Amino acid sequence: MNIGIIIIMIIYGLIGGLSTLFLFLGMPGLIIWKIYRRIKYHTALTD
């Protein structure tokens, strides 16, 4: 295969992996933050 195509595949793989990692780590933090706001400020979880 062409070296340019391989480099592009590696770059897109890294981009996809980083966005997946961000979502995987960010979702528990978001849920904990919403529960904290629910307890402290008595807001709805969907706000």
Protein backbone atom coordinates (compact mmCIF):
# COMPACT_ATOMS: atom_id res chain seq x y z
CA MET A 1 0.00 0.00 0.00
CA ASN A 2 0.97 3.58 -0.44
CA ILE A 3 2.79 5.10 2.56
CA GLY A 4 0.48 8.13 2.47
CA ILE A 5 -2.60 5.95 2.91
CA ILE A 6 -0.99 4.15 5.85
CA ILE A 7 -0.13 7.46 7.54
CA ILE A 8 -3.69 8.73 7.05
CA MET A 9 -5.09 5.49 8.49
CA ILE A 10 -2.85 5.84 11.57
CA ILE A 11 -3.89 9.47 12.09
CA TYR A 12 -7.61 8.66 11.80
CA GLY A 13 -7.15 5.69 14.14
CA LEU A 14 -5.55 7.95 16.74
CA ILE A 15 -8.30 10.53 16.39
CA GLY A 16 -10.99 7.88 16.84
CA GLY A 17 -9.21 6.34 19.82
CA LEU A 18 -8.74 9.67 21.57
CA SER A 19 -12.37 10.70 21.13
CA THR A 20 -13.52 7.31 22.43
CA LEU A 21 -11.20 7.62 25.43
CA PHE A 22 -12.50 11.13 26.16
CA LEU A 23 -16.10 9.91 26.13
CA PHE A 24 -15.23 6.85 28.24
CA LEU A 25 -13.53 8.99 30.92
CA GLY A 26 -15.87 11.99 30.74
CA MET A 27 -19.21 10.21 31.13
CA PRO A 28 -18.69 9.04 34.76
CA GLY A 29 -17.52 12.55 35.69
CA LEU A 30 -20.65 14.05 34.15
CA ILE A 31 -22.91 11.62 36.03
CA ILE A 32 -21.15 12.31 39.35
CA TRP A 33 -21.39 16.08 38.75
CA LYS A 34 -25.13 15.85 38.04
CA ILE A 35 -25.73 13.77 41.18
CA TYR A 36 -23.72 16.31 43.21
CA ARG A 37 -25.84 19.16 41.83
CA ARG A 38 -29.02 17.17 42.55
CA ILE A 39 -28.01 16.74 46.21
CA LYS A 40 -26.64 20.23 46.80
CA TYR A 41 -28.93 22.46 44.73
CA HIS A 42 -32.01 20.22 44.31
CA THR A 43 -31.97 20.50 40.53
CA ALA A 44 -33.28 17.92 38.09
CA LEU A 45 -30.81 15.40 36.69
CA THR A 46 -31.83 16.31 33.16
CA ASP A 47 -30.95 20.03 33.45
